[in-house]
Amino acid sequence: MGSVDEARKVFDKMLERDAVAWTAMITGYTSRNNEYSAWFMFIEMLREGVEANAFTVSGVLKACKGMKCYSCGALVHGFAIKRCLVGSIYVDNSLMDVYATCSSTMDEASMVFKDINPKNGVSWTTLITGYTHRGDGFGALDAFRQMLSEEAELNAFTLSIAIKACALTGTSEHGKQLHAAIVKHGLDSNLPVMNSVIDMYSWCQSLCEASQCFSEMPQKDIITWNTLIAGYKRVDSSRCLSIFVSMESQGFTPTSFTFSSVIAACADLAFRACGQQLHSKILRRGLDRNMALGNALIDMYAKCGIIDDSRKLFEAMPSRDIVSWTSMMIAYGVHGYGKEAVELYDQMINSCIRPDRVVCMAVLSACSHAGLVNEGLRYFNSMLTEYNIIPDQEIYGCVVDLLGRAGKVDDAYELIKSMPEDPGDCVWGALLGSSKAHKLADLGKLAAEFMLDSRPDMARTYLMLSNLYASEGEWREFARMRKLMKGLGGRKEPGCSWIELKNDVYSFVVGDKVGPQMERVYGVLNGMILHMKETGYGPDFDDKLEDKNS
């Protein structure tokens, strides 16, 4: 690898420097991700009166892309038009890339693309990539179809981007068609392409197809394994962990990305011992300074109930990003440490880190669970006045829940009426829950009716509304709600919980009578129920979906 600093020393000693020398320095800086030096080199070149060529302009446009500077790209575009350099395939492709990356829409990139004649594979790939990186899978696939209709030559990179676009659509139908085209063109042995196919099937939750592709691949690399592990983490954390074990048994070394996925799987399953073993492996491999892994470990220990270890990890991190602060705040919130979450939020603000929407939801939720109404309202107001964060439905839902839990249900309803947009299910659901908890039937009925207008298939809403009618003695309406609920086939999936004890995991399902030591389990459970009754606690059976006659 060459040294750009050494090249600069040679460049500065040259008595005469032509466009080739200047272009070499510009592209050298750009290739080392030193885009600002490349830009200033271009400015200096123009000041010295050296005539730039198409390769110079292409190089400086790549620097504009790296700086994500739309205005610089537009200036170079104007310069290229003035110097009659537009029309060069190198300039046109680079222009399209800048606009696709830096512009707010794909309009300008599409205009440049339209005028390119003839187009090459880079032109098509740049257009498809532009749509894909914006999350517009359908726009990317339309461009890909146009590419096929004009019989442009396919390559592995273009196919990989098009497959990613299929994943963005959320359905595997387009991906299956593209997979068939890959097989037809003999690219099913191309490792990057097939890794993209597995990723597409994973994002579309077609894990059977993803596993089949994986098993049929004659060659696999760490990206292949990581892709399948990440895919299963989203839908089946247990399977994710078993794939990880298989990967290690076949001699592959986990990367930080691998560990992020499997730690998240342990967090989902609350597998403390497994998470601790993974933490040890991270330490042995010297990855403990990786910020993303630190954030994942904070979340894992919190979900396993070891909040002290989460805090120790957080305090030991050499640097923190907004995800670190958010993870710790959420950890405090779910464990009922609202005061600590609030103090952490204030500490984050004092560290000059600007909160985002997720941080605001985390601190509002923590305030809600801890009953810190005044603090929560103060943070809600600061979102608007200090940080220009426009509250969305979820944030309004948090504030309604905050007020409702504290018994300020009327204030919650007034907030809902002041919302600039129609309240959604999460907002009305928070009001319904609060109304039920505080036995305010009228507001509860109102919230339930609004929820059923938008989502008439929600069995739980019918259940809560029927219970409100029962509490008011309106048995006719109670019976009507139950009838409607039964018409939905509203049988809830049995609740399930599990605990980890001495490296073994024991699961418990509602109504289960079979299992190891189940007789002793029910004996302890009956003892707890008796103790609760003696202390004056009366169980609430309102949330039971099926009554005895169903």
Protein backbone atom coordinates (compact mmCIF):
# COMPACT_ATOMS: atom_id res chain seq x y z
CA MET A 1 0.00 0.00 0.00
CA GLY A 2 1.32 3.39 -0.95
CA SER A 3 1.58 6.35 1.42
CA VAL A 4 -0.33 9.46 0.46
CA ASP A 5 1.96 11.53 2.71
CA GLU A 6 5.03 10.36 0.80
CA ALA A 7 3.23 11.03 -2.48
CA ARG A 8 2.48 14.57 -1.28
CA LYS A 9 6.16 15.17 -0.48
CA VAL A 10 7.11 14.13 -4.00
CA PHE A 11 4.28 16.22 -5.45
CA ASP A 12 5.39 19.34 -3.56
CA LYS A 13 8.96 18.98 -4.89
CA MET A 14 7.83 18.79 -8.55
CA LEU A 15 8.75 21.90 -10.52
CA GLU A 16 5.98 21.34 -13.06
CA ARG A 17 2.73 19.59 -12.21
CA ASP A 18 0.27 18.66 -14.91
CA ALA A 19 -3.33 17.45 -14.64
CA VAL A 20 -2.17 13.85 -14.22
CA ALA A 21 -0.12 14.72 -11.11
CA TRP A 22 -2.97 16.76 -9.57
CA THR A 23 -5.49 14.02 -10.35
CA ALA A 24 -3.24 11.38 -8.79
CA MET A 25 -3.13 13.37 -5.54
CA ILE A 26 -6.90 13.97 -5.55
CA THR A 27 -7.72 10.31 -6.11
CA GLY A 28 -5.04 9.31 -3.58
CA TYR A 29 -6.64 11.40 -0.84
CA THR A 30 -10.10 10.14 -1.75
CA SER A 31 -9.00 6.50 -1.65
CA ARG A 32 -7.69 7.09 1.91
CA ASN A 33 -11.03 8.63 2.98
CA ASN A 34 -9.37 12.04 3.28
CA GLU A 35 -12.01 13.76 1.18
CA TYR A 36 -11.47 17.29 2.51
CA SER A 37 -7.80 17.24 1.48
CA ALA A 38 -8.89 16.02 -1.96
CA TRP A 39 -11.37 18.90 -2.22
CA PHE A 40 -8.81 21.55 -1.23
CA MET A 41 -6.32 20.01 -3.64
CA PHE A 42 -8.87 20.46 -6.43
CA ILE A 43 -9.43 24.11 -5.44
CA GLU A 44 -5.67 24.73 -5.41
CA MET A 45 -5.35 23.08 -8.83
CA LEU A 46 -7.91 25.46 -10.32
CA ARG A 47 -6.22 28.46 -8.71
CA GLU A 48 -2.96 27.50 -10.41
CA GLY A 49 -4.76 27.42 -13.75
CA VAL A 50 -4.28 23.71 -14.46
CA GLU A 51 -6.96 22.35 -16.77
CA ALA A 52 -8.91 19.52 -15.15
CA ASN A 53 -9.89 16.49 -17.20
CA ALA A 54 -12.69 13.93 -16.87
CA PHE A 55 -10.66 11.76 -14.48
CA THR A 56 -9.98 14.79 -12.25
CA VAL A 57 -13.67 15.65 -12.08
CA SER A 58 -14.62 12.03 -11.43
CA GLY A 59 -12.11 11.89 -8.56
CA VAL A 60 -13.27 15.10 -6.90
CA LEU A 61 -16.91 14.03 -7.24
CA LYS A 62 -16.07 10.92 -5.23
CA ALA A 63 -14.68 13.26 -2.58
CA CYS A 64 -17.95 15.24 -2.61
CA LYS A 65 -19.83 11.99 -2.04
CA GLY A 66 -17.54 11.07 0.86
CA MET A 67 -18.13 14.50 2.43
CA LYS A 68 -21.87 14.07 1.77
CA CYS A 69 -21.77 17.63 0.46
CA TYR A 70 -24.54 18.28 -2.04
CA SER A 71 -23.46 21.89 -2.68
CA CYS A 72 -19.88 20.87 -3.54
CA GLY A 73 -21.21 18.23 -5.94
CA ALA A 74 -23.48 20.79 -7.61
CA LEU A 75 -20.54 23.21 -8.00
CA VAL A 76 -18.43 20.51 -9.68
CA HIS A 77 -21.41 19.64 -11.90
CA GLY A 78 -21.57 23.26 -13.06
CA PHE A 79 -17.80 23.26 -13.63
CA ALA A 80 -18.08 20.05 -15.70
CA ILE A 81 -20.82 21.57 -17.88
CA LYS A 82 -18.73 24.71 -18.43
CA ARG A 83 -15.67 22.63 -19.41
CA CYS A 84 -17.76 20.34 -21.67
CA LEU A 85 -16.86 17.31 -19.56
CA VAL A 86 -20.45 16.15 -19.09
CA GLY A 87 -20.93 13.22 -21.44
CA SER A 88 -17.87 11.36 -20.20
CA ILE A 89 -19.10 8.08 -18.72
CA TYR A 90 -16.71 8.52 -15.77
CA VAL A 91 -18.05 11.99 -14.97
CA ASP A 92 -21.69 11.07 -15.52
CA ASN A 93 -21.55 7.96 -13.31
CA SER A 94 -19.79 9.92 -10.55
CA LEU A 95 -22.34 12.74 -10.81
CA MET A 96 -25.17 10.27 -10.48
CA ASP A 97 -23.50 8.72 -7.44
CA VAL A 98 -23.13 12.11 -5.71
CA TYR A 99 -26.77 13.05 -6.29
CA ALA A 100 -28.01 9.61 -5.25
CA THR A 101 -26.05 9.91 -1.98
CA CYS A 102 -26.41 13.60 -1.12
CA SER A 103 -29.72 14.76 -2.59
CA SER A 104 -33.01 14.49 -0.72
CA THR A 105 -34.59 12.62 -3.65
CA MET A 106 -33.49 10.48 -6.58
CA ASP A 107 -34.79 13.02 -9.11
CA GLU A 108 -31.45 14.60 -10.01
CA ALA A 109 -29.66 11.26 -10.16
CA SER A 110 -32.39 9.95 -12.46
CA MET A 111 -32.07 13.02 -14.73
CA VAL A 112 -28.31 12.47 -15.07
CA PHE A 113 -28.91 8.76 -15.71
CA LYS A 114 -31.48 9.50 -18.41
CA ASP A 115 -28.96 11.57 -20.39
CA ILE A 116 -26.19 8.94 -20.26
CA ASN A 117 -25.77 7.30 -23.66
CA PRO A 118 -24.62 4.61 -23.81
CA LYS A 119 -25.04 3.36 -20.26
CA ASN A 120 -22.67 0.78 -18.80
CA GLY A 121 -23.01 -1.65 -15.90
CA VAL A 122 -21.74 0.97 -13.42
CA SER A 123 -24.50 3.36 -14.51
CA TRP A 124 -27.24 0.82 -13.84
CA THR A 125 -25.69 -0.38 -10.59
CA THR A 126 -25.33 3.20 -9.30
CA LEU A 127 -28.99 3.94 -10.00
CA ILE A 128 -30.21 0.72 -8.35
CA THR A 129 -27.91 1.29 -5.37
CA GLY A 130 -29.21 4.83 -4.93
CA TYR A 131 -32.79 3.64 -4.58
CA THR A 132 -31.79 0.74 -2.32
CA HIS A 133 -29.77 2.84 0.12
CA ARG A 134 -32.80 5.10 0.54
CA GLY A 135 -34.92 2.10 1.48
CA ASP A 136 -36.95 2.31 -1.74
CA GLY A 137 -36.98 -1.34 -2.73
CA PHE A 138 -39.71 -0.94 -5.32
CA GLY A 139 -37.89 1.94 -7.04
CA ALA A 140 -34.72 -0.16 -7.16
CA LEU A 141 -36.58 -3.13 -8.64
CA ASP A 142 -38.21 -0.92 -11.29
CA ALA A 143 -34.73 0.24 -12.31
CA PHE A 144 -33.53 -3.37 -12.36
CA ARG A 145 -36.43 -4.41 -14.60
CA GLN A 146 -35.59 -1.54 -16.94
CA MET A 147 -32.00 -2.77 -17.00
CA LEU A 148 -33.14 -6.25 -18.01
CA SER A 149 -35.50 -4.88 -20.68
CA GLU A 150 -32.61 -3.00 -22.28
CA GLU A 151 -30.54 -6.21 -22.19
CA ALA A 152 -27.74 -4.66 -20.17
CA GLU A 153 -25.09 -7.06 -18.97
CA LEU A 154 -25.70 -8.48 -15.50
CA ASN A 155 -22.91 -8.74 -12.95
CA ALA A 156 -22.67 -10.18 -9.46
CA PHE A 157 -22.60 -6.80 -7.70
CA THR A 158 -25.74 -5.54 -9.46
CA LEU A 159 -27.56 -8.74 -8.58
CA SER A 160 -26.51 -8.46 -4.93
CA ILE A 161 -27.93 -4.92 -4.73
CA ALA A 162 -31.15 -5.99 -6.48
CA ILE A 163 -31.55 -8.85 -3.99
CA LYS A 164 -31.19 -6.38 -1.12
CA ALA A 165 -33.94 -4.31 -2.76
CA CYS A 166 -36.17 -7.40 -2.72
CA ALA A 167 -35.63 -7.67 1.04
CA LEU A 168 -36.75 -4.05 1.45
CA THR A 169 -40.12 -4.85 -0.11
CA GLY A 170 -40.84 -7.24 2.77
CA THR A 171 -42.00 -10.08 0.52
CA SER A 172 -39.96 -12.97 -0.83
CA GLU A 173 -41.89 -13.24 -4.12
CA HIS A 174 -39.63 -10.80 -5.99
CA GLY A 175 -36.61 -12.41 -4.32
CA LYS A 176 -37.61 -15.90 -5.48
CA GLN A 177 -37.84 -14.66 -9.07
CA LEU A 178 -34.42 -13.07 -8.78
CA HIS A 179 -33.04 -16.22 -7.15
CA ALA A 180 -34.24 -18.18 -10.19
CA ALA A 181 -32.50 -15.68 -12.49
CA ILE A 182 -29.27 -16.12 -10.50
CA VAL A 183 -29.42 -19.89 -11.00
CA LYS A 184 -30.22 -19.40 -14.69
CA HIS A 185 -27.17 -17.17 -15.20
CA GLY A 186 -24.91 -19.61 -13.32
CA LEU A 187 -24.20 -17.21 -10.46
CA ASP A 188 -25.49 -19.52 -7.72
CA SER A 189 -21.88 -20.47 -6.96
CA ASN A 190 -20.92 -16.83 -6.38
CA LEU A 191 -20.43 -16.46 -2.62
CA PRO A 192 -21.34 -12.74 -2.19
CA VAL A 193 -24.45 -13.19 -4.33
CA MET A 194 -25.66 -16.21 -2.36
CA ASN A 195 -24.94 -14.43 0.93
CA SER A 196 -27.27 -11.70 -0.31
CA VAL A 197 -29.92 -14.31 -1.18
CA ILE A 198 -29.77 -15.76 2.35
CA ASP A 199 -30.03 -12.25 3.79
CA MET A 200 -33.06 -11.51 1.59
CA TYR A 201 -34.89 -14.65 2.68
CA SER A 202 -34.03 -13.90 6.31
CA TRP A 203 -35.42 -10.36 6.17
CA CYS A 204 -38.57 -11.70 4.51
CA GLN A 205 -38.82 -14.26 7.35
CA SER A 206 -38.57 -17.14 4.89
CA LEU A 207 -36.12 -19.00 7.10
CA CYS A 208 -36.79 -22.38 5.50
CA GLU A 209 -35.61 -21.06 2.14
CA ALA A 210 -32.66 -19.31 3.80
CA SER A 211 -31.61 -22.55 5.54
CA GLN A 212 -31.98 -24.53 2.32
CA CYS A 213 -29.73 -22.07 0.43
CA PHE A 214 -27.25 -22.23 3.29
CA SER A 215 -27.11 -26.04 3.33
CA GLU A 216 -26.72 -26.23 -0.47
CA MET A 217 -23.80 -23.78 -0.64
CA PRO A 218 -20.56 -25.67 -1.36
CA GLN A 219 -18.52 -22.85 0.16
CA LYS A 220 -19.32 -20.67 3.17
CA ASP A 221 -17.49 -17.78 4.80
CA ILE A 222 -18.06 -15.96 8.09
CA ILE A 223 -20.50 -13.58 6.34
CA THR A 224 -22.64 -16.58 5.35
CA TRP A 225 -22.83 -17.77 8.95
CA ASN A 226 -23.39 -14.26 10.32
CA THR A 227 -26.24 -13.69 7.88
CA LEU A 228 -28.08 -16.87 8.89
CA ILE A 229 -27.45 -16.28 12.60
CA ALA A 230 -28.81 -12.73 12.36
CA GLY A 231 -31.84 -13.97 10.42
CA TYR A 232 -32.76 -16.55 13.04
CA LYS A 233 -32.14 -14.07 15.85
CA ARG A 234 -35.11 -12.06 14.57
CA VAL A 235 -37.56 -15.01 14.71
CA ASP A 236 -36.05 -17.90 16.68
CA SER A 237 -33.38 -17.02 19.23
CA SER A 238 -32.86 -20.64 20.32
CA ARG A 239 -32.09 -21.73 16.76
CA CYS A 240 -29.77 -18.73 16.43
CA LEU A 241 -27.67 -20.00 19.34
CA SER A 242 -27.53 -23.56 17.98
CA ILE A 243 -26.28 -22.27 14.60
CA PHE A 244 -23.60 -20.30 16.44
CA VAL A 245 -22.43 -23.49 18.17
CA SER A 246 -22.29 -25.27 14.77
CA MET A 247 -20.29 -22.39 13.31
CA GLU A 248 -17.65 -22.58 16.04
CA SER A 249 -17.48 -26.38 15.76
CA GLN A 250 -16.57 -26.00 12.08
CA GLY A 251 -13.62 -23.76 12.90
CA PHE A 252 -15.02 -20.33 12.06
CA THR A 253 -13.96 -17.47 14.35
CA PRO A 254 -16.82 -15.23 15.52
CA THR A 255 -16.61 -11.54 14.67
CA SER A 256 -18.06 -8.62 16.60
CA PHE A 257 -21.13 -8.85 14.35
CA THR A 258 -21.56 -12.53 15.26
CA PHE A 259 -21.36 -11.76 18.96
CA SER A 260 -23.88 -8.91 18.64
CA SER A 261 -26.47 -11.31 17.23
CA VAL A 262 -25.95 -14.13 19.72
CA ILE A 263 -25.81 -11.78 22.72
CA ALA A 264 -29.14 -10.31 21.59
CA ALA A 265 -30.50 -13.87 21.34
CA CYS A 266 -29.39 -14.56 24.93
CA ALA A 267 -31.09 -11.33 25.98
CA ASP A 268 -34.35 -12.36 24.31
CA LEU A 269 -34.26 -15.72 26.09
CA ALA A 270 -32.84 -14.35 29.37
CA PHE A 271 -30.08 -17.00 29.20
CA ARG A 272 -27.72 -15.55 31.78
CA ALA A 273 -25.13 -18.33 31.85
CA CYS A 274 -24.88 -18.41 28.05
CA GLY A 275 -24.54 -14.63 27.94
CA GLN A 276 -21.76 -14.72 30.53
CA GLN A 277 -19.89 -17.35 28.50
CA LEU A 278 -20.15 -15.16 25.42
CA HIS A 279 -18.91 -12.18 27.43
CA SER A 280 -15.85 -14.24 28.44
CA LYS A 281 -15.17 -15.08 24.78
CA ILE A 282 -15.40 -11.40 23.88
CA LEU A 283 -12.84 -10.56 26.59
CA ARG A 284 -10.48 -13.33 25.43
CA ARG A 285 -10.61 -12.06 21.85
CA GLY A 286 -9.91 -8.48 22.90
CA LEU A 287 -13.26 -7.19 21.62
CA ASP A 288 -14.34 -5.67 24.95
CA ARG A 289 -13.69 -2.13 23.69
CA ASN A 290 -16.14 -2.57 20.82
CA MET A 291 -18.94 -0.10 21.52
CA ALA A 292 -21.70 -2.06 19.76
CA LEU A 293 -20.84 -5.17 21.78
CA GLY A 294 -20.77 -3.15 24.99
CA ASN A 295 -24.26 -1.84 24.22
CA ALA A 296 -25.51 -5.37 23.49
CA LEU A 297 -24.05 -6.67 26.76
CA ILE A 298 -25.71 -3.89 28.76
CA ASP A 299 -29.05 -4.89 27.29
CA MET A 300 -28.41 -8.61 27.82
CA TYR A 301 -27.50 -8.32 31.51
CA ALA A 302 -30.50 -6.06 32.13
CA LYS A 303 -32.89 -8.54 30.51
CA CYS A 304 -31.32 -11.32 32.57
CA GLY A 305 -32.07 -9.32 35.72
CA ILE A 306 -28.46 -8.36 36.54
CA ILE A 307 -28.82 -4.59 36.46
CA ASP A 308 -25.61 -4.07 38.49
CA ASP A 309 -23.52 -5.73 35.77
CA SER A 310 -25.20 -3.52 33.17
CA ARG A 311 -24.20 -0.45 35.14
CA LYS A 312 -20.61 -1.69 35.63
CA LEU A 313 -20.28 -2.26 31.87
CA PHE A 314 -21.71 1.15 31.13
CA GLU A 315 -19.34 2.92 33.52
CA ALA A 316 -16.32 0.98 32.20
CA MET A 317 -16.94 1.87 28.54
CA PRO A 318 -14.07 4.04 27.21
CA SER A 319 -16.54 5.90 24.99
CA ARG A 320 -20.30 5.93 24.69
CA ASP A 321 -22.72 6.72 21.91
CA ILE A 322 -26.42 7.53 22.19
CA VAL A 323 -27.26 3.81 22.02
CA SER A 324 -25.15 3.22 25.15
CA TRP A 325 -27.06 5.84 27.11
CA THR A 326 -30.41 4.63 25.77
CA SER A 327 -29.66 0.98 26.60
CA MET A 328 -28.80 1.86 30.19
CA MET A 329 -31.87 4.09 30.56
CA ILE A 330 -34.16 1.35 29.27
CA ALA A 331 -32.47 -1.11 31.65
CA TYR A 332 -33.19 1.15 34.61
CA GLY A 333 -36.74 1.77 33.43
CA VAL A 334 -37.79 -1.87 33.08
CA HIS A 335 -36.37 -2.64 36.53
CA GLY A 336 -38.30 0.21 38.13
CA TYR A 337 -35.30 2.45 38.78
CA GLY A 338 -36.98 5.58 37.46
CA LYS A 339 -34.93 7.99 39.56
CA GLU A 340 -31.66 6.48 38.27
CA ALA A 341 -32.95 6.66 34.67
CA VAL A 342 -33.77 10.34 35.15
CA GLU A 343 -30.34 11.05 36.64
CA LEU A 344 -28.71 9.23 33.73
CA TYR A 345 -30.70 11.29 31.24
CA ASP A 346 -29.55 14.51 32.89
CA GLN A 347 -25.97 13.21 32.87
CA MET A 348 -26.28 12.49 29.14
CA ILE A 349 -27.53 16.02 28.46
CA ASN A 350 -24.63 17.44 30.48
CA SER A 351 -22.28 15.35 28.31
CA CYS A 352 -23.53 17.37 25.31
CA ILE A 353 -25.28 14.40 23.71
CA ARG A 354 -28.49 15.48 22.03
CA PRO A 355 -31.43 13.14 22.72
CA ASP A 356 -33.38 11.53 19.91
CA ARG A 357 -36.88 10.07 19.78
CA VAL A 358 -35.83 6.70 21.23
CA VAL A 359 -34.07 8.33 24.20
CA CYS A 360 -37.17 10.40 24.91
CA MET A 361 -39.36 7.30 24.88
CA ALA A 362 -36.94 5.54 27.22
CA VAL A 363 -36.92 8.29 29.83
CA LEU A 364 -40.69 8.85 29.57
CA SER A 365 -41.33 5.14 30.03
CA ALA A 366 -39.00 5.07 33.06
CA CYS A 367 -40.80 8.05 34.57
CA SER A 368 -44.13 6.33 33.93
CA HIS A 369 -43.16 3.12 35.71
CA ALA A 370 -41.68 5.03 38.66
CA GLY A 371 -44.56 7.50 38.98
CA LEU A 372 -42.34 10.53 38.26
CA VAL A 373 -45.06 12.59 36.60
CA ASN A 374 -43.53 16.07 36.95
CA GLU A 375 -40.16 14.92 35.64
CA GLY A 376 -41.78 13.11 32.73
CA LEU A 377 -43.83 16.14 31.73
CA ARG A 378 -40.73 18.33 31.99
CA TYR A 379 -38.85 16.06 29.59
CA PHE A 380 -41.83 15.92 27.24
CA ASN A 381 -41.96 19.72 27.07
CA SER A 382 -38.18 19.97 26.57
CA MET A 383 -38.47 17.70 23.53
CA LEU A 384 -40.51 20.37 21.81
CA THR A 385 -38.88 23.54 23.09
CA GLU A 386 -35.20 22.57 23.31
CA TYR A 387 -34.60 19.69 20.91
CA ASN A 388 -37.24 20.24 18.23
CA ILE A 389 -38.40 16.61 18.44
CA ILE A 390 -41.92 16.30 17.09
CA PRO A 391 -43.79 13.75 19.27
CA ASP A 392 -45.16 10.78 17.38
CA GLN A 393 -47.93 8.37 18.37
CA GLU A 394 -45.63 6.27 20.54
CA ILE A 395 -44.35 9.26 22.50
CA TYR A 396 -47.89 10.51 23.08
CA GLY A 397 -48.77 6.98 24.18
CA CYS A 398 -45.93 7.12 26.76
CA VAL A 399 -47.18 10.44 28.15
CA VAL A 400 -50.78 9.19 28.31
CA ASP A 401 -49.52 6.13 30.17
CA LEU A 402 -47.45 8.38 32.48
CA LEU A 403 -50.50 10.45 33.41
CA GLY A 404 -52.85 7.48 33.58
CA ARG A 405 -50.67 5.43 35.93
CA ALA A 406 -50.57 8.41 38.30
CA GLY A 407 -54.36 8.63 38.27
CA LYS A 408 -54.46 11.77 36.10
CA VAL A 409 -56.69 10.07 33.52
CA ASP A 410 -58.67 13.23 32.77
CA ASP A 411 -55.43 15.09 32.04
CA ALA A 412 -54.41 12.23 29.77
CA TYR A 413 -57.67 12.58 27.85
CA GLU A 414 -57.16 16.34 27.51
CA LEU A 415 -53.69 15.68 26.08
CA ILE A 416 -55.20 13.28 23.55
CA LYS A 417 -57.73 15.92 22.47
CA SER A 418 -54.89 18.42 21.93
CA MET A 419 -52.91 16.10 19.63
CA PRO A 420 -52.27 17.60 16.16
CA GLU A 421 -53.16 14.29 14.49
CA ASP A 422 -55.72 11.58 15.12
CA PRO A 423 -54.64 9.34 18.02
CA GLY A 424 -53.66 5.79 17.11
CA ASP A 425 -54.07 2.43 18.83
CA CYS A 426 -51.11 2.90 21.17
CA VAL A 427 -52.55 6.18 22.49
CA TRP A 428 -56.11 4.92 22.94
CA GLY A 429 -54.76 1.65 24.33
CA ALA A 430 -52.83 3.53 27.04
CA LEU A 431 -56.00 5.46 27.96
CA LEU A 432 -58.08 2.27 27.99
CA GLY A 433 -55.62 0.55 30.33
CA SER A 434 -55.59 3.54 32.66
CA SER A 435 -59.37 3.83 32.63
CA LYS A 436 -59.70 0.15 33.51
CA ALA A 437 -57.12 0.40 36.31
CA HIS A 438 -58.89 3.39 37.88
CA LYS A 439 -62.41 2.09 37.16
CA LEU A 440 -63.40 5.01 34.90
CA ALA A 441 -65.85 3.19 32.71
CA ASP A 442 -67.01 6.11 30.53
CA LEU A 443 -63.51 7.06 29.39
CA GLY A 444 -62.64 3.40 28.95
CA LYS A 445 -65.65 2.83 26.72
CA LEU A 446 -64.74 5.87 24.66
CA ALA A 447 -61.15 4.68 24.18
CA ALA A 448 -62.27 1.14 23.31
CA GLU A 449 -64.78 2.39 20.72
CA PHE A 450 -62.10 4.45 18.98
CA MET A 451 -59.77 1.44 18.97
CA LEU A 452 -62.45 -0.83 17.51
CA ASP A 453 -63.21 1.70 14.78
CA SER A 454 -59.67 1.37 13.47
CA ARG A 455 -58.96 -2.25 14.47
CA PRO A 456 -62.21 -4.24 14.72
CA ASP A 457 -60.27 -7.52 14.88
CA MET A 458 -58.55 -6.90 18.24
CA ALA A 459 -59.96 -9.51 20.64
CA ARG A 460 -58.25 -7.96 23.67
CA THR A 461 -60.11 -4.68 23.16
CA TYR A 462 -63.45 -6.54 23.15
CA LEU A 463 -62.32 -8.31 26.33
CA MET A 464 -61.47 -5.11 28.20
CA LEU A 465 -64.63 -3.39 26.99
CA SER A 466 -66.77 -6.34 28.09
CA ASN A 467 -65.18 -6.16 31.55
CA LEU A 468 -65.96 -2.45 31.75
CA TYR A 469 -69.59 -3.15 30.89
CA ALA A 470 -69.64 -5.88 33.57
CA SER A 471 -68.27 -3.48 36.19
CA GLU A 472 -71.17 -1.12 35.39
CA GLY A 473 -73.74 -3.92 35.48
CA GLU A 474 -74.53 -3.53 31.76
CA TRP A 475 -74.93 -7.24 31.19
CA ARG A 476 -76.59 -6.94 27.78
CA GLU A 477 -73.60 -5.07 26.39
CA PHE A 478 -71.26 -7.44 28.22
CA ALA A 479 -72.88 -10.41 26.46
CA ARG A 480 -72.75 -8.62 23.09
CA MET A 481 -69.00 -7.96 23.45
CA ARG A 482 -68.33 -11.58 24.44
CA LYS A 483 -70.29 -12.79 21.45
CA LEU A 484 -68.33 -10.54 19.11
CA MET A 485 -65.09 -11.68 20.70
CA LYS A 486 -65.95 -15.35 20.21
CA GLY A 487 -66.80 -14.59 16.59
CA LEU A 488 -63.19 -13.50 16.12
CA GLY A 489 -61.96 -16.88 17.35
CA GLY A 490 -60.13 -14.96 20.03
CA ARG A 491 -58.34 -17.76 21.85
CA LYS A 492 -55.08 -16.43 23.17
CA GLU A 493 -51.88 -18.43 22.81
CA PRO A 494 -51.10 -19.85 26.27
CA GLY A 495 -48.70 -17.75 28.31
CA CYS A 496 -45.21 -19.16 28.73
CA SER A 497 -42.31 -18.24 30.99
CA TRP A 498 -38.99 -19.82 31.79
CA ILE A 499 -36.17 -19.70 34.30
CA GLU A 500 -32.52 -20.71 34.07
CA LEU A 501 -31.23 -22.79 36.98
CA LYS A 502 -27.84 -24.48 37.13
CA ASN A 503 -27.34 -24.18 33.34
CA ASP A 504 -30.73 -25.80 32.64
CA VAL A 505 -33.77 -23.92 31.33
CA TYR A 506 -37.21 -24.80 32.72
CA SER A 507 -40.30 -23.57 30.86
CA PHE A 508 -43.82 -23.21 32.27
CA VAL A 509 -46.98 -22.99 30.16
CA VAL A 510 -50.38 -21.88 31.47
CA GLY A 511 -52.46 -24.93 32.41
CA ASP A 512 -49.58 -27.38 31.96
CA LYS A 513 -49.92 -30.43 34.22
CA VAL A 514 -47.05 -32.51 32.83
CA GLY A 515 -43.39 -31.94 33.48
CA PRO A 516 -40.51 -32.62 35.87
CA GLN A 517 -41.48 -31.93 39.51
CA MET A 518 -44.75 -30.29 38.40
CA GLU A 519 -46.47 -31.51 41.56
CA ARG A 520 -44.00 -29.57 43.71
CA VAL A 521 -44.38 -26.52 41.46
CA TYR A 522 -48.13 -26.45 41.99
CA GLY A 523 -47.60 -26.99 45.72
CA VAL A 524 -45.42 -23.87 45.91
CA LEU A 525 -47.86 -21.94 43.71
CA ASN A 526 -50.82 -22.82 45.94
CA GLY A 527 -48.83 -21.74 48.97
CA MET A 528 -48.12 -18.37 47.35
CA ILE A 529 -51.79 -17.88 46.47
CA LEU A 530 -52.77 -18.65 50.07
CA HIS A 531 -50.20 -16.17 51.36
CA MET A 532 -51.49 -13.45 49.00
CA LYS A 533 -55.04 -14.01 50.19
CA GLU A 534 -53.93 -13.75 53.81
CA THR A 535 -52.30 -10.38 53.10
CA GLY A 536 -55.51 -9.09 51.55
CA TYR A 537 -54.57 -9.30 47.87
CA GLY A 538 -57.43 -10.16 45.55
CA PRO A 539 -56.42 -11.48 42.12
CA ASP A 540 -57.82 -9.72 39.03
CA PHE A 541 -59.21 -12.22 36.54
CA ASP A 542 -60.34 -9.58 34.02
CA ASP A 543 -57.62 -10.39 31.55
CA LYS A 544 -58.59 -14.03 31.18
CA LEU A 545 -59.60 -14.42 27.54
CA GLU A 546 -61.84 -17.46 27.91
CA ASP A 547 -64.42 -17.86 30.65
CA LYS A 548 -65.39 -21.22 31.99
CA ASN A 549 -68.12 -21.70 29.41
CA SER A 550 -66.01 -20.98 26.35
